[in-house]
Amino acid sequence: MDPGTDSGTDPDVALVPLDEAGLAELLEAAVAGAAPAEVMPAPDGAGWDERLRTGFLAFHRGRALAADPVERTWVVRSGGRAAGAVRVEPGADGDEVGIWLARGDRGRGTGTAALRLLRSEQSVAASGAPLVARTTASNHGARGLLRTLGAATAPGTEGTVTARLPTVDHDGGPAAGRRTGRGC
């Protein structure tokens, strides 16, 4: 991701709550544009095979589509197609936010637009919990996206970085407070 081009003003980006149809689209986007370890717990260097495809579906069903889900997940749609996912999981130090995007959607403003939409999502904003993101120090794209959104970062352990995202978009940009697409 190039923070310089990540403006977050893309009107074609929308968040749609995850359902079974969206999960099938997410799997297609993941297989076409991400390594398994980028989108779910998987060994580094693993390629997509039937076991990992089945594991991807089971992972998301167990975490976001279960009767008592551990997290809320939205499909990030860009140009009308699944481009990745964003999730929120309640935690002791705030609501943890995670995002992954297919390679073709990185560095185009999709991530910034998606996280701005997430911040404006009523159920997220109403919780009042701070938003927290964790990444590795070497993930320059994620760190750039977090900086663009005004996150305060602090080094963690073992090469990690923890970021606290403001829950209000203070830049007044066109994406501030705007909801796009179904379910937002």
N, C-alpha and C. Protein backbone atom coordinates (compact mmCIF):
# COMPACT_ATOMS: atom_id res chain seq x y z
N MET A 1 0.83 -1.18 0.00
CA MET A 1 0.00 0.00 0.00
C MET A 1 0.87 1.23 0.00
N ASP A 2 0.55 2.16 -0.83
CA ASP A 2 1.27 3.43 -0.87
C ASP A 2 0.42 4.47 -0.17
N PRO A 3 0.80 4.88 1.06
CA PRO A 3 -0.02 5.83 1.79
C PRO A 3 -0.29 7.10 1.00
N GLY A 4 0.60 7.49 0.11
CA GLY A 4 0.40 8.69 -0.67
C GLY A 4 -0.79 8.61 -1.61
N THR A 5 -1.17 7.41 -2.02
CA THR A 5 -2.31 7.27 -2.93
C THR A 5 -3.53 6.72 -2.22
N ASP A 6 -3.44 6.52 -0.93
CA ASP A 6 -4.51 5.89 -0.17
C ASP A 6 -5.43 6.94 0.43
N SER A 7 -6.20 7.64 -0.40
CA SER A 7 -7.00 8.77 0.06
C SER A 7 -8.27 8.39 0.79
N GLY A 8 -8.81 7.19 0.55
CA GLY A 8 -10.01 6.78 1.24
C GLY A 8 -11.28 7.42 0.69
N THR A 9 -11.24 8.01 -0.47
CA THR A 9 -12.41 8.68 -1.02
C THR A 9 -13.07 7.88 -2.13
N ASP A 10 -12.73 6.64 -2.28
CA ASP A 10 -13.26 5.81 -3.36
C ASP A 10 -14.75 5.55 -3.14
N PRO A 11 -15.62 6.09 -4.01
CA PRO A 11 -17.05 5.90 -3.83
C PRO A 11 -17.52 4.49 -4.16
N ASP A 12 -16.66 3.67 -4.75
CA ASP A 12 -17.04 2.31 -5.11
C ASP A 12 -16.75 1.30 -4.01
N VAL A 13 -16.32 1.75 -2.84
CA VAL A 13 -16.02 0.84 -1.73
C VAL A 13 -17.22 0.79 -0.80
N ALA A 14 -17.61 -0.42 -0.42
CA ALA A 14 -18.74 -0.62 0.49
C ALA A 14 -18.42 -1.76 1.44
N LEU A 15 -19.08 -1.76 2.59
CA LEU A 15 -18.99 -2.86 3.54
C LEU A 15 -20.34 -3.56 3.58
N VAL A 16 -20.31 -4.88 3.48
CA VAL A 16 -21.53 -5.69 3.52
C VAL A 16 -21.34 -6.74 4.61
N PRO A 17 -22.26 -6.82 5.58
CA PRO A 17 -22.11 -7.83 6.63
C PRO A 17 -21.93 -9.23 6.02
N LEU A 18 -21.02 -9.99 6.59
CA LEU A 18 -20.73 -11.33 6.08
C LEU A 18 -21.93 -12.25 6.24
N ASP A 19 -22.23 -12.97 5.17
CA ASP A 19 -23.22 -14.04 5.18
C ASP A 19 -22.65 -15.17 4.34
N GLU A 20 -23.39 -16.24 4.15
CA GLU A 20 -22.87 -17.40 3.41
C GLU A 20 -22.50 -17.04 1.97
N ALA A 21 -23.32 -16.24 1.30
CA ALA A 21 -23.00 -15.85 -0.08
C ALA A 21 -21.73 -15.01 -0.11
N GLY A 22 -21.61 -14.09 0.84
CA GLY A 22 -20.41 -13.26 0.92
C GLY A 22 -19.18 -14.08 1.25
N LEU A 23 -19.35 -15.12 2.06
CA LEU A 23 -18.23 -15.99 2.42
C LEU A 23 -17.69 -16.71 1.19
N ALA A 24 -18.58 -17.17 0.32
CA ALA A 24 -18.13 -17.82 -0.92
C ALA A 24 -17.35 -16.84 -1.79
N GLU A 25 -17.81 -15.59 -1.87
CA GLU A 25 -17.09 -14.57 -2.64
C GLU A 25 -15.74 -14.25 -2.01
N LEU A 26 -15.71 -14.20 -0.67
CA LEU A 26 -14.45 -13.93 0.02
C LEU A 26 -13.42 -15.01 -0.27
N LEU A 27 -13.86 -16.26 -0.26
CA LEU A 27 -12.95 -17.36 -0.57
C LEU A 27 -12.38 -17.18 -1.98
N GLU A 28 -13.22 -16.84 -2.94
CA GLU A 28 -12.73 -16.62 -4.31
C GLU A 28 -11.70 -15.50 -4.35
N ALA A 29 -11.97 -14.39 -3.64
CA ALA A 29 -11.05 -13.25 -3.62
C ALA A 29 -9.73 -13.64 -2.95
N ALA A 30 -9.82 -14.42 -1.87
CA ALA A 30 -8.61 -14.83 -1.16
C ALA A 30 -7.75 -15.74 -2.03
N VAL A 31 -8.36 -16.72 -2.66
CA VAL A 31 -7.61 -17.66 -3.50
C VAL A 31 -6.97 -16.93 -4.67
N ALA A 32 -7.68 -15.98 -5.25
CA ALA A 32 -7.17 -15.25 -6.42
C ALA A 32 -6.12 -14.21 -6.07
N GLY A 33 -6.16 -13.68 -4.82
CA GLY A 33 -5.30 -12.53 -4.57
C GLY A 33 -4.61 -12.44 -3.23
N ALA A 34 -4.53 -13.53 -2.47
CA ALA A 34 -3.85 -13.47 -1.17
C ALA A 34 -3.30 -14.84 -0.81
N ALA A 35 -2.27 -14.85 -0.03
CA ALA A 35 -1.74 -16.11 0.50
C ALA A 35 -2.62 -16.54 1.67
N PRO A 36 -2.76 -17.84 1.90
CA PRO A 36 -3.58 -18.30 3.01
C PRO A 36 -3.22 -17.65 4.35
N ALA A 37 -1.93 -17.49 4.64
CA ALA A 37 -1.51 -16.92 5.92
C ALA A 37 -1.87 -15.44 6.04
N GLU A 38 -2.22 -14.78 4.95
CA GLU A 38 -2.64 -13.38 5.01
C GLU A 38 -4.09 -13.24 5.44
N VAL A 39 -4.87 -14.31 5.34
CA VAL A 39 -6.31 -14.20 5.56
C VAL A 39 -6.86 -15.12 6.64
N MET A 40 -6.02 -15.99 7.18
CA MET A 40 -6.46 -16.95 8.20
C MET A 40 -5.23 -17.60 8.83
N PRO A 41 -5.39 -18.26 9.95
CA PRO A 41 -4.24 -18.99 10.49
C PRO A 41 -3.84 -20.12 9.53
N ALA A 42 -2.64 -20.03 9.00
CA ALA A 42 -2.11 -21.03 8.06
C ALA A 42 -0.60 -20.93 8.09
N PRO A 43 0.08 -22.02 7.76
CA PRO A 43 1.55 -21.98 7.74
C PRO A 43 2.06 -20.99 6.69
N ASP A 44 3.11 -20.26 7.03
CA ASP A 44 3.74 -19.36 6.05
C ASP A 44 4.16 -20.17 4.84
N GLY A 45 3.95 -19.63 3.68
CA GLY A 45 4.36 -20.28 2.44
C GLY A 45 3.37 -21.30 1.91
N ALA A 46 2.30 -21.59 2.66
CA ALA A 46 1.32 -22.57 2.20
C ALA A 46 0.56 -22.01 1.00
N GLY A 47 0.24 -22.89 0.07
CA GLY A 47 -0.58 -22.52 -1.08
C GLY A 47 -2.00 -23.00 -0.87
N TRP A 48 -2.89 -22.48 -1.68
CA TRP A 48 -4.29 -22.85 -1.56
C TRP A 48 -4.50 -24.27 -2.08
N ASP A 49 -4.99 -25.14 -1.22
CA ASP A 49 -5.41 -26.49 -1.62
C ASP A 49 -6.80 -26.70 -1.02
N GLU A 50 -7.38 -27.86 -1.27
CA GLU A 50 -8.75 -28.11 -0.80
C GLU A 50 -8.85 -28.03 0.73
N ARG A 51 -7.82 -28.50 1.42
CA ARG A 51 -7.83 -28.46 2.89
C ARG A 51 -7.87 -27.03 3.39
N LEU A 52 -7.08 -26.14 2.80
CA LEU A 52 -7.07 -24.74 3.24
C LEU A 52 -8.33 -24.00 2.81
N ARG A 53 -8.89 -24.35 1.67
CA ARG A 53 -10.16 -23.73 1.26
C ARG A 53 -11.26 -24.10 2.26
N THR A 54 -11.33 -25.37 2.61
CA THR A 54 -12.31 -25.82 3.59
C THR A 54 -12.04 -25.17 4.94
N GLY A 55 -10.78 -25.06 5.30
CA GLY A 55 -10.39 -24.41 6.55
C GLY A 55 -10.79 -22.94 6.59
N PHE A 56 -10.65 -22.24 5.47
CA PHE A 56 -11.04 -20.83 5.38
C PHE A 56 -12.53 -20.69 5.69
N LEU A 57 -13.35 -21.53 5.06
CA LEU A 57 -14.80 -21.47 5.28
C LEU A 57 -15.14 -21.80 6.73
N ALA A 58 -14.52 -22.84 7.29
CA ALA A 58 -14.78 -23.22 8.68
C ALA A 58 -14.33 -22.13 9.64
N PHE A 59 -13.18 -21.52 9.37
CA PHE A 59 -12.65 -20.45 10.22
C PHE A 59 -13.66 -19.30 10.32
N HIS A 60 -14.14 -18.82 9.18
CA HIS A 60 -15.07 -17.70 9.19
C HIS A 60 -16.45 -18.08 9.72
N ARG A 61 -16.89 -19.29 9.42
CA ARG A 61 -18.18 -19.73 9.98
C ARG A 61 -18.10 -19.79 11.50
N GLY A 62 -17.00 -20.29 12.02
CA GLY A 62 -16.84 -20.42 13.47
C GLY A 62 -16.66 -19.10 14.19
N ARG A 63 -16.08 -18.13 13.53
CA ARG A 63 -15.80 -16.84 14.18
C ARG A 63 -16.88 -15.79 13.95
N ALA A 64 -17.47 -15.76 12.76
CA ALA A 64 -18.37 -14.66 12.43
C ALA A 64 -19.80 -15.09 12.09
N LEU A 65 -19.99 -16.33 11.69
CA LEU A 65 -21.33 -16.76 11.30
C LEU A 65 -21.95 -17.73 12.30
N ALA A 66 -21.28 -18.00 13.39
CA ALA A 66 -21.79 -18.91 14.42
C ALA A 66 -22.97 -18.26 15.16
N ALA A 67 -23.72 -19.08 15.89
CA ALA A 67 -24.85 -18.56 16.66
C ALA A 67 -24.39 -17.51 17.67
N ASP A 68 -23.22 -17.70 18.25
CA ASP A 68 -22.64 -16.74 19.19
C ASP A 68 -21.26 -16.34 18.66
N PRO A 69 -21.21 -15.44 17.68
CA PRO A 69 -19.94 -15.13 17.01
C PRO A 69 -18.93 -14.44 17.92
N VAL A 70 -17.65 -14.67 17.65
CA VAL A 70 -16.57 -14.03 18.41
C VAL A 70 -16.25 -12.66 17.82
N GLU A 71 -16.57 -12.47 16.56
CA GLU A 71 -16.27 -11.21 15.89
C GLU A 71 -17.34 -10.90 14.86
N ARG A 72 -17.38 -9.65 14.45
CA ARG A 72 -18.24 -9.24 13.35
C ARG A 72 -17.35 -9.01 12.14
N THR A 73 -17.80 -9.51 11.00
CA THR A 73 -17.00 -9.41 9.78
C THR A 73 -17.86 -8.83 8.66
N TRP A 74 -17.23 -7.99 7.85
CA TRP A 74 -17.88 -7.40 6.69
C TRP A 74 -17.04 -7.74 5.46
N VAL A 75 -17.72 -7.97 4.35
CA VAL A 75 -17.03 -8.11 3.07
C VAL A 75 -16.74 -6.69 2.58
N VAL A 76 -15.48 -6.45 2.22
CA VAL A 76 -15.12 -5.18 1.59
C VAL A 76 -15.38 -5.36 0.10
N ARG A 77 -16.28 -4.55 -0.43
CA ARG A 77 -16.61 -4.63 -1.85
C ARG A 77 -16.02 -3.40 -2.54
N SER A 78 -15.39 -3.62 -3.65
CA SER A 78 -14.81 -2.54 -4.45
C SER A 78 -15.22 -2.76 -5.89
N GLY A 79 -15.86 -1.78 -6.47
CA GLY A 79 -16.33 -1.94 -7.84
C GLY A 79 -17.35 -3.06 -7.98
N GLY A 80 -18.10 -3.34 -6.92
CA GLY A 80 -19.15 -4.35 -6.96
C GLY A 80 -18.70 -5.78 -6.69
N ARG A 81 -17.42 -5.99 -6.43
CA ARG A 81 -16.94 -7.37 -6.18
C ARG A 81 -16.22 -7.44 -4.83
N ALA A 82 -16.12 -8.64 -4.30
CA ALA A 82 -15.41 -8.85 -3.03
C ALA A 82 -13.93 -8.55 -3.23
N ALA A 83 -13.40 -7.68 -2.38
CA ALA A 83 -11.99 -7.29 -2.45
C ALA A 83 -11.22 -7.71 -1.21
N GLY A 84 -11.94 -8.13 -0.16
CA GLY A 84 -11.31 -8.51 1.09
C GLY A 84 -12.33 -8.47 2.21
N ALA A 85 -11.83 -8.38 3.44
CA ALA A 85 -12.71 -8.38 4.60
C ALA A 85 -12.15 -7.47 5.68
N VAL A 86 -13.06 -6.98 6.51
CA VAL A 86 -12.70 -6.22 7.69
C VAL A 86 -13.48 -6.84 8.85
N ARG A 87 -12.84 -6.90 10.01
CA ARG A 87 -13.48 -7.54 11.17
C ARG A 87 -13.28 -6.69 12.41
N VAL A 88 -14.16 -6.89 13.39
CA VAL A 88 -14.04 -6.26 14.70
C VAL A 88 -14.28 -7.34 15.74
N GLU A 89 -13.33 -7.47 16.66
CA GLU A 89 -13.44 -8.45 17.74
C GLU A 89 -13.27 -7.73 19.07
N PRO A 90 -14.28 -7.81 19.96
CA PRO A 90 -14.14 -7.16 21.26
C PRO A 90 -12.95 -7.72 22.03
N GLY A 91 -12.22 -6.83 22.69
CA GLY A 91 -11.05 -7.24 23.47
C GLY A 91 -10.93 -6.41 24.73
N ALA A 92 -10.02 -6.80 25.60
CA ALA A 92 -9.85 -6.13 26.89
C ALA A 92 -9.41 -4.67 26.73
N ASP A 93 -8.60 -4.38 25.72
CA ASP A 93 -8.10 -3.01 25.56
C ASP A 93 -8.78 -2.27 24.41
N GLY A 94 -9.91 -2.77 23.94
CA GLY A 94 -10.66 -2.11 22.87
C GLY A 94 -11.11 -3.12 21.84
N ASP A 95 -11.86 -2.65 20.87
CA ASP A 95 -12.31 -3.51 19.78
C ASP A 95 -11.18 -3.65 18.77
N GLU A 96 -10.70 -4.89 18.60
CA GLU A 96 -9.60 -5.12 17.67
C GLU A 96 -10.13 -5.16 16.24
N VAL A 97 -9.49 -4.39 15.38
CA VAL A 97 -9.86 -4.29 13.98
C VAL A 97 -8.83 -5.05 13.16
N GLY A 98 -9.30 -5.81 12.20
CA GLY A 98 -8.41 -6.48 11.26
C GLY A 98 -8.93 -6.30 9.85
N ILE A 99 -8.03 -6.26 8.90
CA ILE A 99 -8.43 -6.10 7.50
C ILE A 99 -7.46 -6.89 6.63
N TRP A 100 -7.97 -7.48 5.57
CA TRP A 100 -7.11 -8.02 4.51
C TRP A 100 -7.75 -7.66 3.18
N LEU A 101 -6.90 -7.43 2.23
CA LEU A 101 -7.34 -7.12 0.87
C LEU A 101 -6.59 -7.98 -0.12
N ALA A 102 -7.26 -8.33 -1.20
CA ALA A 102 -6.60 -9.03 -2.30
C ALA A 102 -5.53 -8.10 -2.88
N ARG A 103 -4.45 -8.68 -3.38
CA ARG A 103 -3.32 -7.89 -3.89
C ARG A 103 -3.73 -6.77 -4.84
N GLY A 104 -4.66 -7.03 -5.74
CA GLY A 104 -5.07 -6.04 -6.72
C GLY A 104 -5.79 -4.84 -6.14
N ASP A 105 -6.20 -4.93 -4.88
CA ASP A 105 -6.91 -3.82 -4.23
C ASP A 105 -6.04 -3.09 -3.22
N ARG A 106 -4.82 -3.50 -3.08
CA ARG A 106 -3.92 -2.84 -2.14
C ARG A 106 -3.33 -1.59 -2.79
N GLY A 107 -3.12 -0.56 -1.99
CA GLY A 107 -2.48 0.66 -2.48
C GLY A 107 -3.37 1.54 -3.35
N ARG A 108 -4.67 1.29 -3.34
CA ARG A 108 -5.60 2.05 -4.19
C ARG A 108 -6.60 2.86 -3.37
N GLY A 109 -6.46 2.90 -2.06
CA GLY A 109 -7.40 3.63 -1.21
C GLY A 109 -8.52 2.76 -0.68
N THR A 110 -8.58 1.50 -1.10
CA THR A 110 -9.66 0.62 -0.67
C THR A 110 -9.61 0.38 0.84
N GLY A 111 -8.44 0.15 1.40
CA GLY A 111 -8.31 -0.10 2.83
C GLY A 111 -8.71 1.10 3.66
N THR A 112 -8.26 2.27 3.26
CA THR A 112 -8.61 3.49 3.99
C THR A 112 -10.11 3.74 3.93
N ALA A 113 -10.69 3.60 2.74
CA ALA A 113 -12.14 3.79 2.60
C ALA A 113 -12.90 2.79 3.45
N ALA A 114 -12.45 1.52 3.46
CA ALA A 114 -13.14 0.49 4.23
C ALA A 114 -13.08 0.79 5.73
N LEU A 115 -11.92 1.20 6.23
CA LEU A 115 -11.83 1.48 7.67
C LEU A 115 -12.58 2.75 8.04
N ARG A 116 -12.64 3.72 7.15
CA ARG A 116 -13.47 4.90 7.41
C ARG A 116 -14.94 4.51 7.48
N LEU A 117 -15.37 3.65 6.57
CA LEU A 117 -16.75 3.17 6.61
C LEU A 117 -17.01 2.39 7.89
N LEU A 118 -16.04 1.58 8.30
CA LEU A 118 -16.19 0.82 9.54
C LEU A 118 -16.38 1.76 10.73
N ARG A 119 -15.58 2.81 10.79
CA ARG A 119 -15.72 3.76 11.90
C ARG A 119 -17.09 4.43 11.90
N SER A 120 -17.70 4.59 10.73
CA SER A 120 -19.01 5.22 10.67
C SER A 120 -20.15 4.21 10.85
N GLU A 121 -19.83 2.93 10.86
CA GLU A 121 -20.83 1.87 11.06
C GLU A 121 -21.44 2.08 12.45
N GLN A 122 -22.75 2.24 12.51
CA GLN A 122 -23.44 2.59 13.76
C GLN A 122 -23.11 1.64 14.90
N SER A 123 -23.11 0.34 14.66
CA SER A 123 -22.87 -0.61 15.75
C SER A 123 -21.45 -0.51 16.29
N VAL A 124 -20.50 -0.11 15.46
CA VAL A 124 -19.12 0.04 15.91
C VAL A 124 -18.98 1.35 16.67
N ALA A 125 -19.49 2.44 16.09
CA ALA A 125 -19.38 3.75 16.72
C ALA A 125 -20.13 3.80 18.05
N ALA A 126 -21.28 3.14 18.13
CA ALA A 126 -22.10 3.20 19.33
C ALA A 126 -21.48 2.46 20.51
N SER A 127 -20.60 1.51 20.25
CA SER A 127 -20.02 0.74 21.35
C SER A 127 -19.15 1.61 22.24
N GLY A 128 -18.58 2.67 21.69
CA GLY A 128 -17.73 3.56 22.48
C GLY A 128 -16.37 2.99 22.79
N ALA A 129 -16.12 1.75 22.41
CA ALA A 129 -14.82 1.13 22.68
C ALA A 129 -13.78 1.67 21.71
N PRO A 130 -12.55 1.87 22.19
CA PRO A 130 -11.51 2.30 21.26
C PRO A 130 -11.25 1.20 20.23
N LEU A 131 -10.79 1.59 19.06
CA LEU A 131 -10.43 0.64 18.02
C LEU A 131 -8.93 0.41 18.07
N VAL A 132 -8.53 -0.84 18.08
CA VAL A 132 -7.13 -1.22 18.20
C VAL A 132 -6.78 -2.11 17.02
N ALA A 133 -5.61 -1.89 16.44
CA ALA A 133 -5.12 -2.74 15.35
C ALA A 133 -3.71 -3.19 15.70
N ARG A 134 -3.38 -4.41 15.31
CA ARG A 134 -2.04 -4.93 15.53
C ARG A 134 -1.49 -5.42 14.20
N THR A 135 -0.22 -5.14 13.96
CA THR A 135 0.43 -5.60 12.75
C THR A 135 1.90 -5.82 13.06
N THR A 136 2.65 -6.21 12.07
CA THR A 136 4.09 -6.37 12.26
C THR A 136 4.79 -5.08 11.87
N ALA A 137 5.95 -4.85 12.46
CA ALA A 137 6.73 -3.65 12.14
C ALA A 137 7.12 -3.64 10.67
N SER A 138 7.23 -4.81 10.05
CA SER A 138 7.65 -4.89 8.65
C SER A 138 6.50 -4.70 7.65
N ASN A 139 5.26 -4.62 8.14
CA ASN A 139 4.11 -4.46 7.24
C ASN A 139 3.90 -2.97 6.97
N HIS A 140 4.69 -2.45 6.03
CA HIS A 140 4.67 -1.01 5.74
C HIS A 140 3.32 -0.55 5.19
N GLY A 141 2.65 -1.38 4.43
CA GLY A 141 1.35 -1.02 3.89
C GLY A 141 0.33 -0.80 5.00
N ALA A 142 0.25 -1.74 5.92
CA ALA A 142 -0.71 -1.61 7.03
C ALA A 142 -0.35 -0.42 7.91
N ARG A 143 0.93 -0.24 8.18
CA ARG A 143 1.35 0.90 9.01
C ARG A 143 1.02 2.22 8.32
N GLY A 144 1.19 2.30 7.01
CA GLY A 144 0.84 3.51 6.27
C GLY A 144 -0.66 3.78 6.32
N LEU A 145 -1.46 2.74 6.16
CA LEU A 145 -2.91 2.88 6.24
C LEU A 145 -3.31 3.41 7.62
N LEU A 146 -2.72 2.85 8.67
CA LEU A 146 -3.04 3.29 10.03
C LEU A 146 -2.64 4.75 10.26
N ARG A 147 -1.47 5.14 9.74
CA ARG A 147 -1.05 6.55 9.86
C ARG A 147 -2.02 7.47 9.14
N THR A 148 -2.45 7.07 7.95
CA THR A 148 -3.39 7.87 7.17
C THR A 148 -4.67 8.11 7.96
N LEU A 149 -5.08 7.15 8.76
CA LEU A 149 -6.30 7.26 9.55
C LEU A 149 -6.07 7.94 10.90
N GLY A 150 -4.86 8.41 11.16
CA GLY A 150 -4.59 9.13 12.40
C GLY A 150 -4.32 8.25 13.60
N ALA A 151 -3.93 7.01 13.37
CA ALA A 151 -3.68 6.09 14.48
C ALA A 151 -2.39 6.46 15.21
N ALA A 152 -2.44 6.31 16.52
CA ALA A 152 -1.24 6.45 17.34
C ALA A 152 -0.66 5.05 17.50
N THR A 153 0.61 4.87 17.13
CA THR A 153 1.21 3.54 17.18
C THR A 153 2.25 3.45 18.28
N ALA A 154 2.43 2.23 18.77
CA ALA A 154 3.44 1.95 19.78
C ALA A 154 4.05 0.59 19.48
N PRO A 155 5.37 0.46 19.65
CA PRO A 155 5.99 -0.85 19.41
C PRO A 155 5.49 -1.87 20.43
N GLY A 156 5.30 -3.09 19.95
CA GLY A 156 4.90 -4.18 20.82
C GLY A 156 6.06 -5.13 21.01
N THR A 157 5.75 -6.36 21.30
CA THR A 157 6.79 -7.36 21.49
C THR A 157 6.98 -8.14 20.20
N GLU A 158 8.15 -8.72 20.05
CA GLU A 158 8.47 -9.61 18.93
C GLU A 158 8.17 -8.99 17.57
N GLY A 159 8.52 -7.71 17.39
CA GLY A 159 8.38 -7.07 16.09
C GLY A 159 6.97 -6.64 15.72
N THR A 160 6.10 -6.50 16.70
CA THR A 160 4.73 -6.07 16.41
C THR A 160 4.56 -4.58 16.68
N VAL A 161 3.49 -4.04 16.16
CA VAL A 161 3.11 -2.66 16.38
C VAL A 161 1.63 -2.67 16.76
N THR A 162 1.28 -1.91 17.80
CA THR A 162 -0.12 -1.76 18.19
C THR A 162 -0.54 -0.34 17.88
N ALA A 163 -1.71 -0.19 17.28
CA ALA A 163 -2.21 1.14 16.91
C ALA A 163 -3.58 1.36 17.54
N ARG A 164 -3.80 2.57 17.99
CA ARG A 164 -5.11 2.98 18.48
C ARG A 164 -5.68 3.95 17.47
N LEU A 165 -6.82 3.57 16.92
CA LEU A 165 -7.47 4.40 15.89
C LEU A 165 -8.51 5.30 16.52
N PRO A 166 -8.53 6.56 16.12
CA PRO A 166 -9.62 7.42 16.59
C PRO A 166 -10.94 6.88 16.04
N THR A 167 -11.99 6.94 16.85
CA THR A 167 -13.28 6.41 16.41
C THR A 167 -14.06 7.44 15.61
N VAL A 168 -13.55 8.66 15.52
CA VAL A 168 -14.19 9.70 14.72
C VAL A 168 -13.20 10.14 13.66
N ASP A 169 -13.69 10.32 12.45
CA ASP A 169 -12.85 10.78 11.35
C ASP A 169 -12.73 12.30 11.46
N HIS A 170 -11.58 12.77 11.93
CA HIS A 170 -11.39 14.20 12.18
C HIS A 170 -10.92 14.97 10.96
N ASP A 171 -10.63 14.30 9.86
CA ASP A 171 -10.08 15.05 8.73
C ASP A 171 -11.14 15.74 7.89
N GLY A 172 -12.41 15.43 8.14
CA GLY A 172 -13.48 16.10 7.42
C GLY A 172 -13.54 15.74 5.95
N GLY A 173 -12.81 14.71 5.56
CA GLY A 173 -12.79 14.31 4.16
C GLY A 173 -14.13 13.78 3.71
N PRO A 174 -14.29 13.58 2.42
CA PRO A 174 -15.58 13.16 1.88
C PRO A 174 -16.05 11.80 2.38
N ALA A 175 -15.14 10.95 2.89
CA ALA A 175 -15.57 9.65 3.38
C ALA A 175 -16.05 9.72 4.82
N ALA A 176 -15.84 10.83 5.49
CA ALA A 176 -16.20 10.95 6.90
C ALA A 176 -17.70 10.79 7.07
N GLY A 177 -18.07 9.79 7.87
CA GLY A 177 -19.46 9.60 8.21
C GLY A 177 -20.34 9.06 7.10
N ARG A 178 -19.81 8.84 5.92
CA ARG A 178 -20.62 8.37 4.80
C ARG A 178 -20.77 6.86 4.87
N ARG A 179 -21.96 6.39 4.62
CA ARG A 179 -22.20 4.95 4.55
C ARG A 179 -22.48 4.61 3.09
N THR A 180 -21.81 3.59 2.61
CA THR A 180 -21.97 3.19 1.22
C THR A 180 -22.39 1.74 1.18
N GLY A 181 -23.26 1.39 0.29
CA GLY A 181 -23.62 0.00 0.08
C GLY A 181 -24.60 -0.52 1.11
N ARG A 182 -24.96 -1.79 0.96
CA ARG A 182 -25.91 -2.43 1.85
C ARG A 182 -25.29 -2.64 3.21
N GLY A 183 -26.10 -2.54 4.24
CA GLY A 183 -25.68 -2.89 5.59
C GLY A 183 -24.80 -1.87 6.27
N CYS A 184 -24.61 -0.72 5.70
CA CYS A 184 -23.75 0.28 6.33
C CYS A 184 -24.54 1.48 6.73
